[in-house]
Amino acid sequence: MSRTKNIEKEIIKAIIQGEFSAGSQMETERELAIIYQVGRPAIREILQRLNYGGWLTLRKGQPAIVNDYWHDGNITTIIDIVQHFDHIPDTFVLYFLELRIALTPQYVKKAVMLNHPKVVSILSQVDELIDCKEQFALYDWKMQKELARLSKNPIFSLTLNSFEPVYVKMAMKYFSLSFCRKASLNYYKKLMEVALKGDYQQAEELAHSMMRKSYALWDRHISTEKNRMRI
């Protein structure tokens, strides 16, 4: 990783950990260059990337302001959060699973409605799926992207593509649990059955039920881990 990327990572972690509070001023470019022992052009480049990612607001001739990233951030902020953690926090996976409750049933419904034979073709590949987190994560990402594409609504594809750098990383964490793999495998097979019939309404209901179940499974896992740590 380059020096500028390391500095960017350090600043993001400092913001997440509250060392730079929302609404506070960063040091000047000159001061940051001294602190991190790099030139001002490098600092300027880092600040511009953090501005684009929703972490900072740049002001001409003045120090940058630290944003409340949960309210002022964007898709890039989410990706930065996951990429800059050595271990993805369980709560971030939960937030993404909650997003899928609203998103996934819609493109599953449209994909089955418009092209159920291709949906069946994708889902038929589950018979070759090896029971490990890597295989499940890669297959699920491939399947979600293809279902979004088959929905013919480009917004679904664009939204998923925004998560491409982190989707598999989060999915591998989720699928590290055997009961999550089992639940998803059962879902894939049931979805193939309704897709064979071209029943898009049942496909939507099934997807919605599974997305809620995925959220509940992971939420229960988080609670169990917290209780275990207290003992």
Protein backbone atom coordinates (compact mmCIF):
# COMPACT_ATOMS: atom_id res chain seq x y z
CA MET A 1 0.00 0.00 0.00
CA SER A 2 1.34 3.46 -0.91
CA ARG A 3 2.23 6.05 1.72
CA THR A 4 -0.72 8.27 0.76
CA LYS A 5 -3.14 5.33 1.05
CA ASN A 6 -1.75 4.54 4.49
CA ILE A 7 -2.28 8.14 5.59
CA GLU A 8 -5.81 8.12 4.18
CA LYS A 9 -6.49 4.91 6.12
CA GLU A 10 -5.11 6.45 9.32
CA ILE A 11 -7.34 9.53 9.00
CA ILE A 12 -10.45 7.45 8.27
CA LYS A 13 -9.77 5.26 11.30
CA ALA A 14 -9.23 8.35 13.43
CA ILE A 15 -12.59 9.76 12.29
CA ILE A 16 -14.40 6.46 12.93
CA GLN A 17 -12.80 6.13 16.37
CA GLY A 18 -13.79 9.69 17.28
CA GLU A 19 -10.31 11.22 17.39
CA PHE A 20 -11.63 13.76 14.85
CA SER A 21 -15.18 14.57 15.90
CA ALA A 22 -17.93 15.60 13.48
CA GLY A 23 -17.91 19.35 12.88
CA SER A 24 -14.34 19.85 14.05
CA GLN A 25 -11.57 21.38 11.95
CA MET A 26 -8.70 19.35 10.59
CA GLU A 27 -5.18 20.76 10.80
CA THR A 28 -4.04 22.91 7.89
CA GLU A 29 -2.38 21.30 4.86
CA ARG A 30 0.98 22.56 6.09
CA GLU A 31 0.44 21.08 9.57
CA LEU A 32 -0.77 17.75 8.17
CA ALA A 33 2.26 17.58 5.87
CA ILE A 34 4.52 17.96 8.92
CA ILE A 35 2.55 15.43 10.99
CA TYR A 36 2.59 12.76 8.28
CA GLN A 37 5.99 13.73 6.86
CA VAL A 38 4.89 14.08 3.24
CA GLY A 39 4.62 17.00 0.84
CA ARG A 40 1.61 19.31 0.70
CA PRO A 41 0.59 18.06 -2.78
CA ALA A 42 0.25 14.54 -1.30
CA ILE A 43 -1.85 15.89 1.58
CA ARG A 44 -4.01 17.86 -0.85
CA GLU A 45 -4.64 14.68 -2.87
CA ILE A 46 -5.60 12.75 0.28
CA LEU A 47 -7.99 15.49 1.44
CA GLN A 48 -9.64 15.60 -1.98
CA ARG A 49 -10.23 11.83 -1.86
CA LEU A 50 -11.67 12.12 1.66
CA ASN A 51 -13.92 14.96 0.47
CA TYR A 52 -15.17 12.79 -2.41
CA GLY A 53 -15.74 9.92 0.03
CA GLY A 54 -17.94 12.04 2.30
CA TRP A 55 -15.48 12.16 5.19
CA LEU A 56 -14.51 15.83 4.95
CA THR A 57 -15.80 19.10 3.55
CA LEU A 58 -13.08 21.16 1.89
CA ARG A 59 -13.11 24.95 2.19
CA LYS A 60 -10.97 27.19 0.03
CA GLY A 61 -8.14 28.72 2.03
CA GLN A 62 -9.36 27.14 5.29
CA PRO A 63 -8.86 23.81 7.08
CA ALA A 64 -11.22 20.96 6.12
CA ILE A 65 -14.24 20.22 8.31
CA VAL A 66 -14.87 16.66 9.54
CA ASN A 67 -18.29 15.39 8.41
CA ASP A 68 -20.81 13.33 10.31
CA TYR A 69 -20.15 10.47 7.90
CA TRP A 70 -23.34 8.54 8.75
CA HIS A 71 -25.40 11.51 7.57
CA ASP A 72 -23.12 13.25 5.07
CA GLY A 73 -21.41 10.21 3.56
CA ASN A 74 -22.20 8.27 0.40
CA ILE A 75 -21.62 4.85 -1.18
CA THR A 76 -17.88 5.54 -1.24
CA THR A 77 -18.00 6.10 2.53
CA ILE A 78 -19.46 2.63 3.08
CA ILE A 79 -16.80 1.06 0.89
CA ASP A 80 -14.06 3.00 2.69
CA ILE A 81 -15.37 1.88 6.08
CA VAL A 82 -15.23 -1.79 5.14
CA GLN A 83 -11.97 -1.59 3.18
CA HIS A 84 -10.13 0.28 5.92
CA PHE A 85 -11.02 -2.18 8.66
CA ASP A 86 -8.75 -5.21 9.02
CA HIS A 87 -11.82 -7.05 10.29
CA ILE A 88 -15.29 -5.98 9.13
CA PRO A 89 -17.47 -5.05 12.13
CA ASP A 90 -20.48 -7.35 12.51
CA THR A 91 -22.81 -4.35 12.60
CA PHE A 92 -21.77 -3.28 9.08
CA VAL A 93 -22.81 -6.67 7.73
CA LEU A 94 -26.12 -6.25 9.55
CA TYR A 95 -26.68 -2.81 7.98
CA PHE A 96 -26.09 -4.25 4.52
CA LEU A 97 -28.44 -7.19 5.16
CA GLU A 98 -31.11 -4.68 6.17
CA LEU A 99 -30.62 -2.82 2.89
CA ARG A 100 -31.10 -6.08 0.99
CA ILE A 101 -34.54 -6.56 2.55
CA ALA A 102 -35.75 -3.54 0.57
CA LEU A 103 -33.68 -4.07 -2.57
CA THR A 104 -33.35 -7.76 -3.43
CA PRO A 105 -37.03 -8.84 -3.66
CA GLN A 106 -37.66 -6.16 -6.28
CA TYR A 107 -35.00 -7.24 -8.77
CA VAL A 108 -35.69 -10.95 -8.11
CA LYS A 109 -39.34 -10.36 -9.01
CA LYS A 110 -38.51 -8.46 -12.19
CA ALA A 111 -35.85 -11.00 -13.26
CA VAL A 112 -38.28 -13.93 -12.94
CA MET A 113 -41.05 -11.95 -14.60
CA LEU A 114 -38.94 -10.98 -17.62
CA ASN A 115 -36.60 -13.92 -18.08
CA HIS A 116 -37.24 -16.88 -15.79
CA PRO A 117 -35.34 -19.45 -17.97
CA LYS A 118 -32.07 -17.53 -17.41
CA VAL A 119 -32.84 -17.24 -13.70
CA VAL A 120 -33.24 -21.02 -13.58
CA SER A 121 -29.92 -21.43 -15.41
CA ILE A 122 -28.12 -19.33 -12.79
CA LEU A 123 -29.75 -21.13 -9.88
CA SER A 124 -29.09 -24.58 -11.31
CA GLN A 125 -25.39 -24.02 -10.57
CA VAL A 126 -26.03 -24.53 -6.83
CA ASP A 127 -25.64 -28.29 -7.37
CA GLU A 128 -21.92 -27.68 -7.92
CA LEU A 129 -21.55 -25.37 -4.91
CA ILE A 130 -18.87 -26.46 -2.43
CA ASP A 131 -19.78 -26.01 1.22
CA CYS A 132 -17.28 -23.29 2.13
CA LYS A 133 -17.54 -19.57 2.73
CA GLU A 134 -15.44 -18.58 -0.32
CA GLN A 135 -17.55 -20.53 -2.80
CA PHE A 136 -20.84 -19.34 -1.33
CA ALA A 137 -19.69 -15.70 -1.28
CA LEU A 138 -18.52 -15.78 -4.90
CA TYR A 139 -21.64 -17.59 -6.11
CA ASP A 140 -24.00 -15.26 -4.25
CA TRP A 141 -22.28 -12.19 -5.69
CA LYS A 142 -22.44 -13.61 -9.22
CA MET A 143 -26.11 -14.53 -8.77
CA GLN A 144 -27.15 -11.15 -7.34
CA LYS A 145 -25.41 -9.26 -10.15
CA GLU A 146 -27.04 -11.42 -12.81
CA LEU A 147 -30.52 -11.16 -11.27
CA ALA A 148 -30.15 -7.38 -11.08
CA ARG A 149 -29.10 -7.30 -14.75
CA LEU A 150 -32.05 -9.49 -15.78
CA SER A 151 -34.46 -7.14 -14.00
CA LYS A 152 -33.78 -4.63 -16.81
CA ASN A 153 -33.64 -1.80 -14.27
CA PRO A 154 -30.10 -0.38 -14.45
CA ILE A 155 -30.43 1.28 -11.05
CA PHE A 156 -30.36 -2.14 -9.38
CA SER A 157 -27.14 -3.04 -11.20
CA LEU A 158 -25.54 0.33 -10.50
CA THR A 159 -26.39 0.03 -6.80
CA LEU A 160 -24.91 -3.45 -6.52
CA ASN A 161 -21.85 -2.46 -8.54
CA SER A 162 -21.17 0.26 -5.97
CA PHE A 163 -20.65 -2.49 -3.40
CA GLU A 164 -18.44 -4.67 -5.62
CA PRO A 165 -15.18 -3.93 -3.74
CA VAL A 166 -16.71 -5.07 -0.44
CA TYR A 167 -19.62 -7.43 -1.23
CA VAL A 168 -17.59 -10.65 -1.30
CA LYS A 169 -15.64 -9.55 1.77
CA MET A 170 -18.87 -9.10 3.75
CA ALA A 171 -20.42 -12.24 2.25
CA MET A 172 -17.45 -14.36 3.32
CA LYS A 173 -17.95 -13.15 6.89
CA TYR A 174 -21.65 -14.02 6.72
CA PHE A 175 -21.09 -17.40 5.06
CA SER A 176 -18.41 -18.36 7.57
CA LEU A 177 -21.38 -19.62 9.62
CA SER A 178 -22.59 -23.04 8.51
CA PHE A 179 -26.23 -22.32 9.37
CA CYS A 180 -26.15 -19.25 7.09
CA ARG A 181 -24.83 -21.38 4.23
CA LYS A 182 -27.53 -23.98 4.87
CA ALA A 183 -30.31 -21.36 4.92
CA SER A 184 -29.07 -19.78 1.68
CA LEU A 185 -28.73 -23.13 -0.09
CA ASN A 186 -32.30 -23.96 0.82
CA TYR A 187 -33.37 -20.54 -0.49
CA TYR A 188 -31.54 -20.98 -3.80
CA LYS A 189 -33.28 -24.31 -4.40
CA LYS A 190 -36.73 -22.99 -3.52
CA LEU A 191 -36.20 -19.96 -5.72
CA MET A 192 -35.28 -22.22 -8.62
CA GLU A 193 -38.54 -24.14 -8.14
CA VAL A 194 -40.68 -21.00 -8.37
CA ALA A 195 -38.57 -19.62 -11.22
CA LEU A 196 -39.22 -22.82 -13.18
CA LYS A 197 -42.92 -21.97 -12.97
CA GLY A 198 -42.29 -18.32 -13.82
CA ASP A 199 -44.10 -17.35 -10.64
CA TYR A 200 -42.61 -13.91 -10.08
CA GLN A 201 -44.94 -12.99 -7.22
CA GLN A 202 -43.95 -16.04 -5.23
CA ALA A 203 -40.31 -15.34 -6.11
CA GLU A 204 -40.66 -11.85 -4.63
CA GLU A 205 -42.26 -13.24 -1.46
CA LEU A 206 -39.59 -15.91 -1.13
CA ALA A 207 -36.77 -13.38 -1.59
CA HIS A 208 -38.31 -11.01 0.95
CA SER A 209 -38.71 -13.83 3.48
CA MET A 210 -35.10 -14.94 2.97
CA MET A 211 -33.66 -11.44 3.26
CA ARG A 212 -35.48 -10.99 6.56
CA LYS A 213 -34.27 -14.38 7.73
CA SER A 214 -30.66 -13.51 6.81
CA TYR A 215 -30.93 -10.34 8.86
CA ALA A 216 -32.39 -12.26 11.82
CA LEU A 217 -29.71 -14.96 11.65
CA TRP A 218 -26.89 -12.43 11.68
CA ASP A 219 -28.54 -10.30 14.37
CA ARG A 220 -28.85 -13.42 16.55
CA HIS A 221 -25.21 -14.26 15.87
CA ILE A 222 -24.13 -10.78 17.02
CA SER A 223 -26.19 -11.09 20.23
CA THR A 224 -24.74 -14.53 20.94
CA GLU A 225 -21.18 -13.25 20.49
CA LYS A 226 -21.83 -10.28 22.79
CA ASN A 227 -23.25 -12.55 25.49
CA ARG A 228 -20.29 -14.89 25.14
CA MET A 229 -17.86 -12.02 25.65
CA ARG A 230 -19.62 -10.99 28.86
CA ILE A 231 -19.13 -14.43 30.40
